[in-house]
Amino acid sequence: MKPSFWIKRFCVVFIGVFSILLVVGLLKGRSLERSVRESAVWAGVSSVIFVAARIYQSRRGQHCALCRDTPEMARGGQRQTSDARLGR
């Protein structure tokens, strides 16, 4: 897959995690500056781990049949059911 796919994926995950953590930090009564800083750090760490794990799984040919979140799955390629993996 092209790097642009993974960059977009990183950005989507980062924005989602950052938003949730920012709201939680503000609800806890922390200052805006502290909440933004901590949310950015943890969103970055989480996004790197998530994208790295997905790249690793993608290179091994493991795709999420439920999410169908990779281009290969969207086209219908490499689709395996549990029966196919078990040899049934």
PDB file of N, CA and C in Angstrom:
ATOM      1  N   MET A   1       0.834  -1.174   0.000  1.00  0.00           N
ATOM      2  CA  MET A   1       0.000   0.000   0.000  1.00  0.00           C
ATOM      3  C   MET A   1       0.879   1.238   0.000  1.00  0.00           C
ATOM      4  N   LYS A   2       0.352   2.267  -0.553  1.00  0.00           N
ATOM      5  CA  LYS A   2       1.106   3.508  -0.666  1.00  0.00           C
ATOM      6  C   LYS A   2       1.239   4.181   0.695  1.00  0.00           C
ATOM      7  N   PRO A   3       2.318   4.941   0.863  1.00  0.00           N
ATOM      8  CA  PRO A   3       2.491   5.675   2.125  1.00  0.00           C
ATOM      9  C   PRO A   3       1.345   6.653   2.410  1.00  0.00           C
ATOM     10  N   SER A   4       0.726   7.177   1.381  1.00  0.00           N
ATOM     11  CA  SER A   4      -0.370   8.124   1.603  1.00  0.00           C
ATOM     12  C   SER A   4      -1.535   7.469   2.357  1.00  0.00           C
ATOM     13  N   PHE A   5      -1.787   6.178   2.111  1.00  0.00           N
ATOM     14  CA  PHE A   5      -2.834   5.457   2.834  1.00  0.00           C
ATOM     15  C   PHE A   5      -2.526   5.429   4.325  1.00  0.00           C
ATOM     16  N   TRP A   6      -1.280   5.114   4.677  1.00  0.00           N
ATOM     17  CA  TRP A   6      -0.905   5.008   6.081  1.00  0.00           C
ATOM     18  C   TRP A   6      -0.832   6.383   6.741  1.00  0.00           C
ATOM     19  N   ILE A   7      -0.448   7.399   5.996  1.00  0.00           N
ATOM     20  CA  ILE A   7      -0.435   8.758   6.552  1.00  0.00           C
ATOM     21  C   ILE A   7      -1.854   9.209   6.865  1.00  0.00           C
ATOM     22  N   LYS A   8      -2.781   8.924   5.947  1.00  0.00           N
ATOM     23  CA  LYS A   8      -4.187   9.262   6.209  1.00  0.00           C
ATOM     24  C   LYS A   8      -4.701   8.499   7.417  1.00  0.00           C
ATOM     25  N   ARG A   9      -4.367   7.218   7.494  1.00  0.00           N
ATOM     26  CA  ARG A   9      -4.796   6.397   8.625  1.00  0.00           C
ATOM     27  C   ARG A   9      -4.257   6.966   9.931  1.00  0.00           C
ATOM     28  N   PHE A  10      -2.974   7.358   9.935  1.00  0.00           N
ATOM     29  CA  PHE A  10      -2.367   7.954  11.129  1.00  0.00           C
ATOM     30  C   PHE A  10      -3.121   9.211  11.541  1.00  0.00           C
ATOM     31  N   CYS A  11      -3.424  10.065  10.575  1.00  0.00           N
ATOM     32  CA  CYS A  11      -4.120  11.324  10.869  1.00  0.00           C
ATOM     33  C   CYS A  11      -5.516  11.078  11.439  1.00  0.00           C
ATOM     34  N   VAL A  12      -6.235  10.131  10.872  1.00  0.00           N
ATOM     35  CA  VAL A  12      -7.592   9.822  11.365  1.00  0.00           C
ATOM     36  C   VAL A  12      -7.533   9.316  12.802  1.00  0.00           C
ATOM     37  N   VAL A  13      -6.616   8.401  13.074  1.00  0.00           N
ATOM     38  CA  VAL A  13      -6.491   7.858  14.426  1.00  0.00           C
ATOM     39  C   VAL A  13      -6.035   8.950  15.388  1.00  0.00           C
ATOM     40  N   PHE A  14      -5.068   9.761  14.965  1.00  0.00           N
ATOM     41  CA  PHE A  14      -4.551  10.827  15.817  1.00  0.00           C
ATOM     42  C   PHE A  14      -5.656  11.805  16.204  1.00  0.00           C
ATOM     43  N   ILE A  15      -6.431  12.242  15.238  1.00  0.00           N
ATOM     44  CA  ILE A  15      -7.502  13.213  15.512  1.00  0.00           C
ATOM     45  C   ILE A  15      -8.552  12.611  16.450  1.00  0.00           C
ATOM     46  N   GLY A  16      -8.918  11.366  16.211  1.00  0.00           N
ATOM     47  CA  GLY A  16      -9.904  10.721  17.069  1.00  0.00           C
ATOM     48  C   GLY A  16      -9.430  10.581  18.506  1.00  0.00           C
ATOM     49  N   VAL A  17      -8.229  10.056  18.681  1.00  0.00           N
ATOM     50  CA  VAL A  17      -7.684   9.857  20.023  1.00  0.00           C
ATOM     51  C   VAL A  17      -7.443  11.202  20.705  1.00  0.00           C
ATOM     52  N   PHE A  18      -6.895  12.160  19.968  1.00  0.00           N
ATOM     53  CA  PHE A  18      -6.639  13.486  20.533  1.00  0.00           C
ATOM     54  C   PHE A  18      -7.930  14.121  21.039  1.00  0.00           C
ATOM     55  N   SER A  19      -8.981  14.043  20.247  1.00  0.00           N
ATOM     56  CA  SER A  19     -10.262  14.646  20.639  1.00  0.00           C
ATOM     57  C   SER A  19     -10.807  14.031  21.918  1.00  0.00           C
ATOM     58  N   ILE A  20     -10.784  12.715  21.982  1.00  0.00           N
ATOM     59  CA  ILE A  20     -11.306  12.029  23.169  1.00  0.00           C
ATOM     60  C   ILE A  20     -10.480  12.382  24.402  1.00  0.00           C
ATOM     61  N   LEU A  21      -9.160  12.321  24.274  1.00  0.00           N
ATOM     62  CA  LEU A  21      -8.301  12.621  25.415  1.00  0.00           C
ATOM     63  C   LEU A  21      -8.404  14.082  25.845  1.00  0.00           C
ATOM     64  N   LEU A  22      -8.577  14.984  24.903  1.00  0.00           N
ATOM     65  CA  LEU A  22      -8.721  16.397  25.238  1.00  0.00           C
ATOM     66  C   LEU A  22      -9.992  16.633  26.056  1.00  0.00           C
ATOM     67  N   VAL A  23     -11.086  16.064  25.613  1.00  0.00           N
ATOM     68  CA  VAL A  23     -12.351  16.217  26.334  1.00  0.00           C
ATOM     69  C   VAL A  23     -12.243  15.618  27.738  1.00  0.00           C
ATOM     70  N   VAL A  24     -11.643  14.444  27.847  1.00  0.00           N
ATOM     71  CA  VAL A  24     -11.497  13.799  29.154  1.00  0.00           C
ATOM     72  C   VAL A  24     -10.615  14.651  30.073  1.00  0.00           C
ATOM     73  N   GLY A  25      -9.529  15.181  29.544  1.00  0.00           N
ATOM     74  CA  GLY A  25      -8.651  16.030  30.346  1.00  0.00           C
ATOM     75  C   GLY A  25      -9.358  17.277  30.845  1.00  0.00           C
ATOM     76  N   LEU A  26     -10.146  17.900  29.987  1.00  0.00           N
ATOM     77  CA  LEU A  26     -10.882  19.098  30.388  1.00  0.00           C
ATOM     78  C   LEU A  26     -11.969  18.756  31.394  1.00  0.00           C
ATOM     79  N   LEU A  27     -12.629  17.608  31.230  1.00  0.00           N
ATOM     80  CA  LEU A  27     -13.648  17.195  32.190  1.00  0.00           C
ATOM     81  C   LEU A  27     -13.048  16.886  33.566  1.00  0.00           C
ATOM     82  N   LYS A  28     -11.779  16.488  33.573  1.00  0.00           N
ATOM     83  CA  LYS A  28     -11.105  16.227  34.843  1.00  0.00           C
ATOM     84  C   LYS A  28     -10.700  17.530  35.538  1.00  0.00           C
ATOM     85  N   GLY A  29     -10.869  18.662  34.861  1.00  0.00           N
ATOM     86  CA  GLY A  29     -10.541  19.949  35.455  1.00  0.00           C
ATOM     87  C   GLY A  29      -9.119  20.407  35.216  1.00  0.00           C
ATOM     88  N   ARG A  30      -8.427  19.772  34.314  1.00  0.00           N
ATOM     89  CA  ARG A  30      -7.060  20.185  33.995  1.00  0.00           C
ATOM     90  C   ARG A  30      -7.083  21.428  33.119  1.00  0.00           C
ATOM     91  N   SER A  31      -5.987  22.151  33.107  1.00  0.00           N
ATOM     92  CA  SER A  31      -5.909  23.366  32.288  1.00  0.00           C
ATOM     93  C   SER A  31      -5.900  22.985  30.808  1.00  0.00           C
ATOM     94  N   LEU A  32      -6.304  23.928  29.969  1.00  0.00           N
ATOM     95  CA  LEU A  32      -6.341  23.680  28.527  1.00  0.00           C
ATOM     96  C   LEU A  32      -4.954  23.350  27.997  1.00  0.00           C
ATOM     97  N   GLU A  33      -3.945  24.100  28.456  1.00  0.00           N
ATOM     98  CA  GLU A  33      -2.578  23.879  27.979  1.00  0.00           C
ATOM     99  C   GLU A  33      -2.091  22.470  28.314  1.00  0.00           C
ATOM    100  N   ARG A  34      -2.315  22.045  29.544  1.00  0.00           N
ATOM    101  CA  ARG A  34      -1.881  20.706  29.957  1.00  0.00           C
ATOM    102  C   ARG A  34      -2.655  19.634  29.210  1.00  0.00           C
ATOM    103  N   SER A  35      -3.950  19.834  29.048  1.00  0.00           N
ATOM    104  CA  SER A  35      -4.774  18.843  28.348  1.00  0.00           C
ATOM    105  C   SER A  35      -4.354  18.699  26.894  1.00  0.00           C
ATOM    106  N   VAL A  36      -4.080  19.812  26.234  1.00  0.00           N
ATOM    107  CA  VAL A  36      -3.649  19.764  24.827  1.00  0.00           C
ATOM    108  C   VAL A  36      -2.307  19.057  24.704  1.00  0.00           C
ATOM    109  N   ARG A  37      -1.380  19.413  25.588  1.00  0.00           N
ATOM    110  CA  ARG A  37      -0.041  18.813  25.526  1.00  0.00           C
ATOM    111  C   ARG A  37      -0.105  17.306  25.762  1.00  0.00           C
ATOM    112  N   GLU A  38      -0.786  16.879  26.822  1.00  0.00           N
ATOM    113  CA  GLU A  38      -0.870  15.456  27.118  1.00  0.00           C
ATOM    114  C   GLU A  38      -1.648  14.694  26.053  1.00  0.00           C
ATOM    115  N   SER A  39      -2.705  15.292  25.545  1.00  0.00           N
ATOM    116  CA  SER A  39      -3.500  14.639  24.501  1.00  0.00           C
ATOM    117  C   SER A  39      -2.679  14.453  23.242  1.00  0.00           C
ATOM    118  N   ALA A  40      -1.899  15.454  22.883  1.00  0.00           N
ATOM    119  CA  ALA A  40      -1.077  15.352  21.672  1.00  0.00           C
ATOM    120  C   ALA A  40      -0.020  14.258  21.809  1.00  0.00           C
ATOM    121  N   VAL A  41       0.618  14.192  22.962  1.00  0.00           N
ATOM    122  CA  VAL A  41       1.653  13.177  23.177  1.00  0.00           C
ATOM    123  C   VAL A  41       1.050  11.776  23.112  1.00  0.00           C
ATOM    124  N   TRP A  42      -0.029  11.541  23.873  1.00  0.00           N
ATOM    125  CA  TRP A  42      -0.616  10.208  23.919  1.00  0.00           C
ATOM    126  C   TRP A  42      -1.306   9.830  22.613  1.00  0.00           C
ATOM    127  N   ALA A  43      -1.871  10.805  21.921  1.00  0.00           N
ATOM    128  CA  ALA A  43      -2.468  10.512  20.617  1.00  0.00           C
ATOM    129  C   ALA A  43      -1.384  10.116  19.621  1.00  0.00           C
ATOM    130  N   GLY A  44      -0.247  10.777  19.680  1.00  0.00           N
ATOM    131  CA  GLY A  44       0.873  10.431  18.800  1.00  0.00           C
ATOM    132  C   GLY A  44       1.390   9.030  19.071  1.00  0.00           C
ATOM    133  N   VAL A  45       1.583   8.712  20.350  1.00  0.00           N
ATOM    134  CA  VAL A  45       2.070   7.377  20.728  1.00  0.00           C
ATOM    135  C   VAL A  45       1.066   6.306  20.279  1.00  0.00           C
ATOM    136  N   SER A  46      -0.204   6.531  20.575  1.00  0.00           N
ATOM    137  CA  SER A  46      -1.242   5.555  20.212  1.00  0.00           C
ATOM    138  C   SER A  46      -1.329   5.365  18.703  1.00  0.00           C
ATOM    139  N   SER A  47      -1.241   6.452  17.964  1.00  0.00           N
ATOM    140  CA  SER A  47      -1.353   6.379  16.508  1.00  0.00           C
ATOM    141  C   SER A  47      -0.179   5.639  15.894  1.00  0.00           C
ATOM    142  N   VAL A  48       1.014   5.887  16.402  1.00  0.00           N
ATOM    143  CA  VAL A  48       2.199   5.191  15.891  1.00  0.00           C
ATOM    144  C   VAL A  48       2.076   3.692  16.142  1.00  0.00           C
ATOM    145  N   ILE A  49       1.666   3.316  17.340  1.00  0.00           N
ATOM    146  CA  ILE A  49       1.523   1.896  17.663  1.00  0.00           C
ATOM    147  C   ILE A  49       0.443   1.250  16.791  1.00  0.00           C
ATOM    148  N   PHE A  50      -0.703   1.930  16.647  1.00  0.00           N
ATOM    149  CA  PHE A  50      -1.793   1.385  15.858  1.00  0.00           C
ATOM    150  C   PHE A  50      -1.380   1.197  14.396  1.00  0.00           C
ATOM    151  N   VAL A  51      -0.803   2.217  13.789  1.00  0.00           N
ATOM    152  CA  VAL A  51      -0.429   2.135  12.373  1.00  0.00           C
ATOM    153  C   VAL A  51       0.693   1.120  12.167  1.00  0.00           C
ATOM    154  N   ALA A  52       1.660   1.080  13.083  1.00  0.00           N
ATOM    155  CA  ALA A  52       2.741   0.094  12.959  1.00  0.00           C
ATOM    156  C   ALA A  52       2.190  -1.321  13.025  1.00  0.00           C
ATOM    157  N   ALA A  53       1.243  -1.566  13.928  1.00  0.00           N
ATOM    158  CA  ALA A  53       0.643  -2.897  14.031  1.00  0.00           C
ATOM    159  C   ALA A  53      -0.136  -3.247  12.769  1.00  0.00           C
ATOM    160  N   ARG A  54      -0.869  -2.301  12.216  1.00  0.00           N
ATOM    161  CA  ARG A  54      -1.639  -2.546  10.991  1.00  0.00           C
ATOM    162  C   ARG A  54      -0.706  -2.784   9.794  1.00  0.00           C
ATOM    163  N   ILE A  55       0.400  -2.054   9.718  1.00  0.00           N
ATOM    164  CA  ILE A  55       1.369  -2.282   8.636  1.00  0.00           C
ATOM    165  C   ILE A  55       1.950  -3.693   8.762  1.00  0.00           C
ATOM    166  N   TYR A  56       2.310  -4.070   9.969  1.00  0.00           N
ATOM    167  CA  TYR A  56       2.858  -5.406  10.206  1.00  0.00           C
ATOM    168  C   TYR A  56       1.861  -6.485   9.788  1.00  0.00           C
ATOM    169  N   GLN A  57       0.618  -6.343  10.212  1.00  0.00           N
ATOM    170  CA  GLN A  57      -0.412  -7.312   9.858  1.00  0.00           C
ATOM    171  C   GLN A  57      -0.662  -7.329   8.351  1.00  0.00           C
ATOM    172  N   SER A  58      -0.651  -6.169   7.736  1.00  0.00           N
ATOM    173  CA  SER A  58      -0.892  -6.075   6.299  1.00  0.00           C
ATOM    174  C   SER A  58       0.210  -6.780   5.509  1.00  0.00           C
ATOM    175  N   ARG A  59       1.448  -6.599   5.946  1.00  0.00           N
ATOM    176  CA  ARG A  59       2.569  -7.245   5.256  1.00  0.00           C
ATOM    177  C   ARG A  59       2.542  -8.762   5.410  1.00  0.00           C
ATOM    178  N   ARG A  60       1.950  -9.239   6.489  1.00  0.00           N
ATOM    179  CA  ARG A  60       1.817 -10.683   6.702  1.00  0.00           C
ATOM    180  C   ARG A  60       0.585 -11.242   6.013  1.00  0.00           C
ATOM    181  N   GLY A  61      -0.206 -10.367   5.398  1.00  0.00           N
ATOM    182  CA  GLY A  61      -1.396 -10.814   4.690  1.00  0.00           C
ATOM    183  C   GLY A  61      -2.604 -10.987   5.579  1.00  0.00           C
ATOM    184  N   GLN A  62      -2.552 -10.454   6.780  1.00  0.00           N
ATOM    185  CA  GLN A  62      -3.678 -10.557   7.707  1.00  0.00           C
ATOM    186  C   GLN A  62      -4.512  -9.287   7.604  1.00  0.00           C
ATOM    187  N   HIS A  63      -5.718  -9.420   7.126  1.00  0.00           N
ATOM    188  CA  HIS A  63      -6.604  -8.271   6.976  1.00  0.00           C
ATOM    189  C   HIS A  63      -7.853  -8.488   7.811  1.00  0.00           C
ATOM    190  N   CYS A  64      -8.383  -7.421   8.318  1.00  0.00           N
ATOM    191  CA  CYS A  64      -9.584  -7.499   9.145  1.00  0.00           C
ATOM    192  C   CYS A  64     -10.801  -7.639   8.236  1.00  0.00           C
ATOM    193  N   ALA A  65     -11.419  -8.815   8.257  1.00  0.00           N
ATOM    194  CA  ALA A  65     -12.587  -9.053   7.412  1.00  0.00           C
ATOM    195  C   ALA A  65     -13.793  -8.273   7.890  1.00  0.00           C
ATOM    196  N   LEU A  66     -13.831  -7.964   9.164  1.00  0.00           N
ATOM    197  CA  LEU A  66     -14.948  -7.215   9.720  1.00  0.00           C
ATOM    198  C   LEU A  66     -14.879  -5.736   9.320  1.00  0.00           C
ATOM    199  N   CYS A  67     -13.697  -5.135   9.467  1.00  0.00           N
ATOM    200  CA  CYS A  67     -13.551  -3.701   9.170  1.00  0.00           C
ATOM    201  C   CYS A  67     -13.454  -3.421   7.667  1.00  0.00           C
ATOM    202  N   ARG A  68     -12.787  -4.330   6.969  1.00  0.00           N
ATOM    203  CA  ARG A  68     -12.517  -4.130   5.543  1.00  0.00           C
ATOM    204  C   ARG A  68     -11.886  -2.755   5.337  1.00  0.00           C
ATOM    205  N   ASP A  69     -10.861  -2.462   6.129  1.00  0.00           N
ATOM    206  CA  ASP A  69     -10.277  -1.130   6.156  1.00  0.00           C
ATOM    207  C   ASP A  69      -9.070  -0.938   5.244  1.00  0.00           C
ATOM    208  N   THR A  70      -8.636  -1.974   4.578  1.00  0.00           N
ATOM    209  CA  THR A  70      -7.503  -1.826   3.671  1.00  0.00           C
ATOM    210  C   THR A  70      -7.982  -1.910   2.229  1.00  0.00           C
ATOM    211  N   PRO A  71      -7.240  -1.312   1.308  1.00  0.00           N
ATOM    212  CA  PRO A  71      -7.655  -1.349  -0.095  1.00  0.00           C
ATOM    213  C   PRO A  71      -7.849  -2.754  -0.643  1.00  0.00           C
ATOM    214  N   GLU A  72      -7.036  -3.716  -0.175  1.00  0.00           N
ATOM    215  CA  GLU A  72      -7.187  -5.086  -0.659  1.00  0.00           C
ATOM    216  C   GLU A  72      -8.551  -5.641  -0.282  1.00  0.00           C
ATOM    217  N   MET A  73      -8.985  -5.367   0.920  1.00  0.00           N
ATOM    218  CA  MET A  73     -10.274  -5.865   1.389  1.00  0.00           C
ATOM    219  C   MET A  73     -11.425  -5.134   0.709  1.00  0.00           C
ATOM    220  N   ALA A  74     -11.257  -3.865   0.426  1.00  0.00           N
ATOM    221  CA  ALA A  74     -12.314  -3.092  -0.235  1.00  0.00           C
ATOM    222  C   ALA A  74     -12.572  -3.642  -1.646  1.00  0.00           C
ATOM    223  N   ARG A  75     -11.506  -4.138  -2.293  1.00  0.00           N
ATOM    224  CA  ARG A  75     -11.646  -4.718  -3.638  1.00  0.00           C
ATOM    225  C   ARG A  75     -12.162  -6.148  -3.574  1.00  0.00           C
ATOM    226  N   GLY A  76     -12.156  -6.732  -2.391  1.00  0.00           N
ATOM    227  CA  GLY A  76     -12.630  -8.102  -2.244  1.00  0.00           C
ATOM    228  C   GLY A  76     -11.522  -9.130  -2.307  1.00  0.00           C
ATOM    229  N   GLY A  77     -10.274  -8.699  -2.394  1.00  0.00           N
ATOM    230  CA  GLY A  77      -9.168  -9.636  -2.465  1.00  0.00           C
ATOM    231  C   GLY A  77      -8.761 -10.138  -1.096  1.00  0.00           C
ATOM    232  N   GLN A  78      -8.154 -11.290  -1.057  1.00  0.00           N
ATOM    233  CA  GLN A  78      -7.629 -11.922   0.133  1.00  0.00           C
ATOM    234  C   GLN A  78      -8.676 -12.021   1.228  1.00  0.00           C
ATOM    235  N   ARG A  79      -9.870 -12.290   0.871  1.00  0.00           N
ATOM    236  CA  ARG A  79     -10.943 -12.404   1.847  1.00  0.00           C
ATOM    237  C   ARG A  79     -11.020 -13.844   2.301  1.00  0.00           C
ATOM    238  N   GLN A  80     -10.827 -14.045   3.597  1.00  0.00           N
ATOM    239  CA  GLN A  80     -10.865 -15.398   4.133  1.00  0.00           C
ATOM    240  C   GLN A  80     -11.907 -15.455   5.234  1.00  0.00           C
ATOM    241  N   THR A  81     -12.674 -16.489   5.217  1.00  0.00           N
ATOM    242  CA  THR A  81     -13.600 -16.718   6.317  1.00  0.00           C
ATOM    243  C   THR A  81     -12.939 -17.660   7.295  1.00  0.00           C
ATOM    244  N   SER A  82     -13.540 -17.832   8.441  1.00  0.00           N
ATOM    245  CA  SER A  82     -12.958 -18.738   9.431  1.00  0.00           C
ATOM    246  C   SER A  82     -12.947 -20.170   8.893  1.00  0.00           C
ATOM    247  N   ASP A  83     -13.940 -20.538   8.079  1.00  0.00           N
ATOM    248  CA  ASP A  83     -13.966 -21.875   7.511  1.00  0.00           C
ATOM    249  C   ASP A  83     -12.816 -22.096   6.537  1.00  0.00           C
ATOM    250  N   ALA A  84     -12.500 -21.087   5.748  1.00  0.00           N
ATOM    251  CA  ALA A  84     -11.417 -21.225   4.774  1.00  0.00           C
ATOM    252  C   ALA A  84     -10.072 -21.365   5.481  1.00  0.00           C
ATOM    253  N   ARG A  85      -9.883 -20.645   6.575  1.00  0.00           N
ATOM    254  CA  ARG A  85      -8.632 -20.736   7.294  1.00  0.00           C
ATOM    255  C   ARG A  85      -8.488 -22.087   8.005  1.00  0.00           C
ATOM    256  N   LEU A  86      -9.595 -22.684   8.379  1.00  0.00           N
ATOM    257  CA  LEU A  86      -9.553 -23.972   9.054  1.00  0.00           C
ATOM    258  C   LEU A  86      -9.535 -25.155   8.092  1.00  0.00           C
ATOM    259  N   GLY A  87      -9.612 -24.865   6.809  1.00  0.00           N
ATOM    260  CA  GLY A  87      -9.537 -25.915   5.806  1.00  0.00           C
ATOM    261  C   GLY A  87     -10.850 -26.644   5.572  1.00  0.00           C
ATOM    262  N   ARG A  88     -11.942 -26.013   5.918  1.00  0.00           N
ATOM    263  CA  ARG A  88     -13.256 -26.667   5.743  1.00  0.00           C
ATOM    264  C   ARG A  88     -13.851 -26.328   4.416  1.00  0.00           C
TER     265      ARG A  88
END
